[in-house]
Amino acid sequence: MIVCDSQLATKLDKKFNNITFTHYRCAIHIINLAVKVKMNYIGNEIKKLHQFVVKVKICILKKVKFFKPILNIDIY
């Protein structure tokens, strides 16, 4: 957190050289809390995906034939 604090301070000072920022730690704490909330929100999906990938790897190692999923990576 402290390293991120100093990096954020440097970037903010370079971008806004006329403004003094004094609450770097608060900003970093808020970012950390937001990421934790989102990770809890998508946590189940990540766990399910991880379990699926493990099963696919086991099938590959044991040379079990299986239907490969079609990856749909459309960016809207």
N, C-alpha and C. Protein backbone atom coordinates (compact mmCIF):
# COMPACT_ATOMS: atom_id res chain seq x y z
N MET A 1 0.82 -1.19 0.00
CA MET A 1 0.00 0.00 0.00
C MET A 1 0.87 1.26 0.00
N ILE A 2 1.95 1.21 0.75
CA ILE A 2 2.83 2.39 0.84
C ILE A 2 3.52 2.66 -0.49
N VAL A 3 3.96 1.57 -1.17
CA VAL A 3 4.60 1.73 -2.48
C VAL A 3 3.61 2.30 -3.47
N CYS A 4 2.39 1.76 -3.46
CA CYS A 4 1.34 2.27 -4.34
C CYS A 4 1.06 3.74 -4.02
N ASP A 5 1.09 4.08 -2.75
CA ASP A 5 0.88 5.46 -2.31
C ASP A 5 1.90 6.38 -2.93
N SER A 6 3.17 6.00 -2.87
CA SER A 6 4.21 6.87 -3.42
C SER A 6 4.14 6.96 -4.94
N GLN A 7 3.78 5.83 -5.59
CA GLN A 7 3.64 5.86 -7.05
C GLN A 7 2.46 6.74 -7.47
N LEU A 8 1.35 6.63 -6.75
CA LEU A 8 0.19 7.47 -7.04
C LEU A 8 0.53 8.93 -6.82
N ALA A 9 1.24 9.22 -5.75
CA ALA A 9 1.63 10.60 -5.46
C ALA A 9 2.47 11.17 -6.59
N THR A 10 3.43 10.40 -7.07
CA THR A 10 4.30 10.86 -8.15
C THR A 10 3.51 11.13 -9.42
N LYS A 11 2.62 10.22 -9.77
CA LYS A 11 1.83 10.40 -10.99
C LYS A 11 0.88 11.60 -10.89
N LEU A 12 0.23 11.73 -9.73
CA LEU A 12 -0.67 12.87 -9.56
C LEU A 12 0.09 14.18 -9.58
N ASP A 13 1.25 14.23 -8.95
CA ASP A 13 2.05 15.46 -8.94
C ASP A 13 2.53 15.83 -10.34
N LYS A 14 2.88 14.82 -11.16
CA LYS A 14 3.32 15.10 -12.53
C LYS A 14 2.17 15.60 -13.38
N LYS A 15 0.99 14.98 -13.22
CA LYS A 15 -0.15 15.35 -14.06
C LYS A 15 -0.75 16.69 -13.64
N PHE A 16 -0.86 16.92 -12.35
CA PHE A 16 -1.47 18.14 -11.83
C PHE A 16 -0.44 18.88 -10.99
N ASN A 17 0.54 19.46 -11.62
CA ASN A 17 1.65 20.04 -10.87
C ASN A 17 1.28 21.29 -10.08
N ASN A 18 0.13 21.88 -10.33
CA ASN A 18 -0.27 23.07 -9.58
C ASN A 18 -1.13 22.74 -8.36
N ILE A 19 -1.55 21.47 -8.22
CA ILE A 19 -2.45 21.08 -7.14
C ILE A 19 -1.68 20.22 -6.14
N THR A 20 -1.93 20.45 -4.87
CA THR A 20 -1.28 19.66 -3.83
C THR A 20 -2.25 18.57 -3.38
N PHE A 21 -1.80 17.32 -3.46
CA PHE A 21 -2.61 16.19 -3.01
C PHE A 21 -2.07 15.73 -1.67
N THR A 22 -2.95 15.60 -0.70
CA THR A 22 -2.49 15.23 0.63
C THR A 22 -3.07 13.91 1.15
N HIS A 23 -4.07 13.38 0.51
CA HIS A 23 -4.74 12.18 1.03
C HIS A 23 -4.56 10.99 0.09
N TYR A 24 -3.31 10.66 -0.20
CA TYR A 24 -3.04 9.52 -1.07
C TYR A 24 -3.52 8.22 -0.44
N ARG A 25 -3.28 8.04 0.83
CA ARG A 25 -3.65 6.78 1.48
C ARG A 25 -5.16 6.57 1.46
N CYS A 26 -5.94 7.61 1.60
CA CYS A 26 -7.39 7.47 1.54
C CYS A 26 -7.83 7.01 0.15
N ALA A 27 -7.24 7.58 -0.89
CA ALA A 27 -7.59 7.20 -2.26
C ALA A 27 -7.24 5.75 -2.52
N ILE A 28 -6.09 5.32 -2.07
CA ILE A 28 -5.66 3.94 -2.26
C ILE A 28 -6.55 2.99 -1.48
N HIS A 29 -6.95 3.38 -0.30
CA HIS A 29 -7.84 2.55 0.51
C HIS A 29 -9.19 2.38 -0.18
N ILE A 30 -9.71 3.45 -0.74
CA ILE A 30 -11.00 3.39 -1.44
C ILE A 30 -10.89 2.49 -2.67
N ILE A 31 -9.80 2.59 -3.42
CA ILE A 31 -9.59 1.72 -4.58
C ILE A 31 -9.52 0.27 -4.13
N ASN A 32 -8.81 0.01 -3.05
CA ASN A 32 -8.68 -1.34 -2.52
C ASN A 32 -10.05 -1.90 -2.12
N LEU A 33 -10.87 -1.11 -1.45
CA LEU A 33 -12.20 -1.56 -1.05
C LEU A 33 -13.08 -1.86 -2.27
N ALA A 34 -12.99 -1.01 -3.29
CA ALA A 34 -13.79 -1.24 -4.50
C ALA A 34 -13.40 -2.53 -5.20
N VAL A 35 -12.11 -2.81 -5.28
CA VAL A 35 -11.64 -4.04 -5.91
C VAL A 35 -12.11 -5.25 -5.10
N LYS A 36 -12.05 -5.18 -3.78
CA LYS A 36 -12.50 -6.29 -2.95
C LYS A 36 -13.98 -6.58 -3.16
N VAL A 37 -14.80 -5.54 -3.26
CA VAL A 37 -16.23 -5.73 -3.48
C VAL A 37 -16.47 -6.40 -4.81
N LYS A 38 -15.80 -5.96 -5.85
CA LYS A 38 -15.97 -6.56 -7.18
C LYS A 38 -15.46 -7.99 -7.20
N MET A 39 -14.37 -8.27 -6.50
CA MET A 39 -13.85 -9.63 -6.47
C MET A 39 -14.84 -10.57 -5.78
N ASN A 40 -15.53 -10.10 -4.75
CA ASN A 40 -16.56 -10.90 -4.10
C ASN A 40 -17.73 -11.14 -5.05
N TYR A 41 -18.04 -10.15 -5.86
CA TYR A 41 -19.15 -10.25 -6.79
C TYR A 41 -18.89 -11.29 -7.87
N ILE A 42 -17.66 -11.33 -8.40
CA ILE A 42 -17.34 -12.29 -9.46
C ILE A 42 -16.63 -13.53 -8.95
N GLY A 43 -16.46 -13.63 -7.64
CA GLY A 43 -15.72 -14.74 -7.05
C GLY A 43 -16.26 -16.11 -7.43
N ASN A 44 -17.59 -16.30 -7.40
CA ASN A 44 -18.18 -17.59 -7.74
C ASN A 44 -17.88 -17.98 -9.17
N GLU A 45 -17.99 -17.04 -10.08
CA GLU A 45 -17.73 -17.33 -11.48
C GLU A 45 -16.27 -17.73 -11.70
N ILE A 46 -15.37 -17.07 -10.99
CA ILE A 46 -13.95 -17.40 -11.12
C ILE A 46 -13.69 -18.80 -10.58
N LYS A 47 -14.32 -19.16 -9.46
CA LYS A 47 -14.15 -20.50 -8.89
C LYS A 47 -14.66 -21.57 -9.85
N LYS A 48 -15.83 -21.32 -10.46
CA LYS A 48 -16.39 -22.28 -11.41
C LYS A 48 -15.49 -22.43 -12.63
N LEU A 49 -14.97 -21.33 -13.12
CA LEU A 49 -14.06 -21.37 -14.26
C LEU A 49 -12.79 -22.13 -13.91
N HIS A 50 -12.27 -21.91 -12.72
CA HIS A 50 -11.06 -22.61 -12.27
C HIS A 50 -11.31 -24.11 -12.22
N GLN A 51 -12.44 -24.53 -11.67
CA GLN A 51 -12.77 -25.95 -11.60
C GLN A 51 -12.88 -26.55 -13.00
N PHE A 52 -13.46 -25.82 -13.93
CA PHE A 52 -13.59 -26.29 -15.30
C PHE A 52 -12.22 -26.47 -15.95
N VAL A 53 -11.35 -25.49 -15.77
CA VAL A 53 -10.01 -25.55 -16.35
C VAL A 53 -9.23 -26.73 -15.78
N VAL A 54 -9.37 -26.98 -14.49
CA VAL A 54 -8.69 -28.12 -13.86
C VAL A 54 -9.17 -29.42 -14.49
N LYS A 55 -10.48 -29.55 -14.70
CA LYS A 55 -11.03 -30.76 -15.32
C LYS A 55 -10.52 -30.95 -16.74
N VAL A 56 -10.44 -29.87 -17.49
CA VAL A 56 -9.93 -29.95 -18.86
C VAL A 56 -8.47 -30.38 -18.85
N LYS A 57 -7.68 -29.82 -17.95
CA LYS A 57 -6.26 -30.19 -17.87
C LYS A 57 -6.09 -31.66 -17.51
N ILE A 58 -6.94 -32.16 -16.60
CA ILE A 58 -6.88 -33.58 -16.23
C ILE A 58 -7.21 -34.45 -17.43
N CYS A 59 -8.22 -34.05 -18.20
CA CYS A 59 -8.57 -34.81 -19.41
C CYS A 59 -7.41 -34.82 -20.41
N ILE A 60 -6.75 -33.70 -20.54
CA ILE A 60 -5.62 -33.63 -21.47
C ILE A 60 -4.49 -34.53 -20.98
N LEU A 61 -4.20 -34.48 -19.68
CA LEU A 61 -3.12 -35.31 -19.14
C LEU A 61 -3.42 -36.80 -19.28
N LYS A 62 -4.67 -37.18 -19.07
CA LYS A 62 -5.05 -38.59 -19.16
C LYS A 62 -5.42 -39.01 -20.58
N LYS A 63 -5.31 -38.04 -21.51
CA LYS A 63 -5.62 -38.28 -22.92
C LYS A 63 -7.05 -38.79 -23.12
N VAL A 64 -7.96 -38.18 -22.39
CA VAL A 64 -9.38 -38.47 -22.52
C VAL A 64 -9.95 -37.53 -23.58
N LYS A 65 -10.69 -38.09 -24.54
CA LYS A 65 -11.28 -37.25 -25.58
C LYS A 65 -12.48 -36.51 -24.99
N PHE A 66 -12.58 -35.26 -25.33
CA PHE A 66 -13.71 -34.45 -24.87
C PHE A 66 -13.98 -33.37 -25.90
N PHE A 67 -15.20 -32.87 -25.87
CA PHE A 67 -15.56 -31.76 -26.76
C PHE A 67 -14.96 -30.48 -26.20
N LYS A 68 -14.24 -29.79 -27.05
CA LYS A 68 -13.64 -28.53 -26.60
C LYS A 68 -14.68 -27.41 -26.71
N PRO A 69 -14.72 -26.56 -25.70
CA PRO A 69 -15.68 -25.46 -25.76
C PRO A 69 -15.28 -24.44 -26.83
N ILE A 70 -16.27 -23.84 -27.42
CA ILE A 70 -16.03 -22.79 -28.40
C ILE A 70 -15.89 -21.48 -27.63
N LEU A 71 -14.77 -20.82 -27.82
CA LEU A 71 -14.54 -19.57 -27.12
C LEU A 71 -15.20 -18.43 -27.88
N ASN A 72 -16.03 -17.72 -27.20
CA ASN A 72 -16.72 -16.58 -27.79
C ASN A 72 -16.18 -15.32 -27.13
N ILE A 73 -15.30 -14.64 -27.82
CA ILE A 73 -14.67 -13.46 -27.25
C ILE A 73 -15.04 -12.24 -28.10
N ASP A 74 -16.32 -11.94 -28.12
CA ASP A 74 -16.77 -10.76 -28.85
C ASP A 74 -16.64 -9.54 -27.96
N ILE A 75 -16.06 -8.51 -28.49
CA ILE A 75 -15.94 -7.26 -27.75
C ILE A 75 -16.93 -6.29 -28.35
N TYR A 76 -17.80 -5.81 -27.50
CA TYR A 76 -18.87 -4.91 -27.98
C TYR A 76 -18.45 -3.50 -27.94
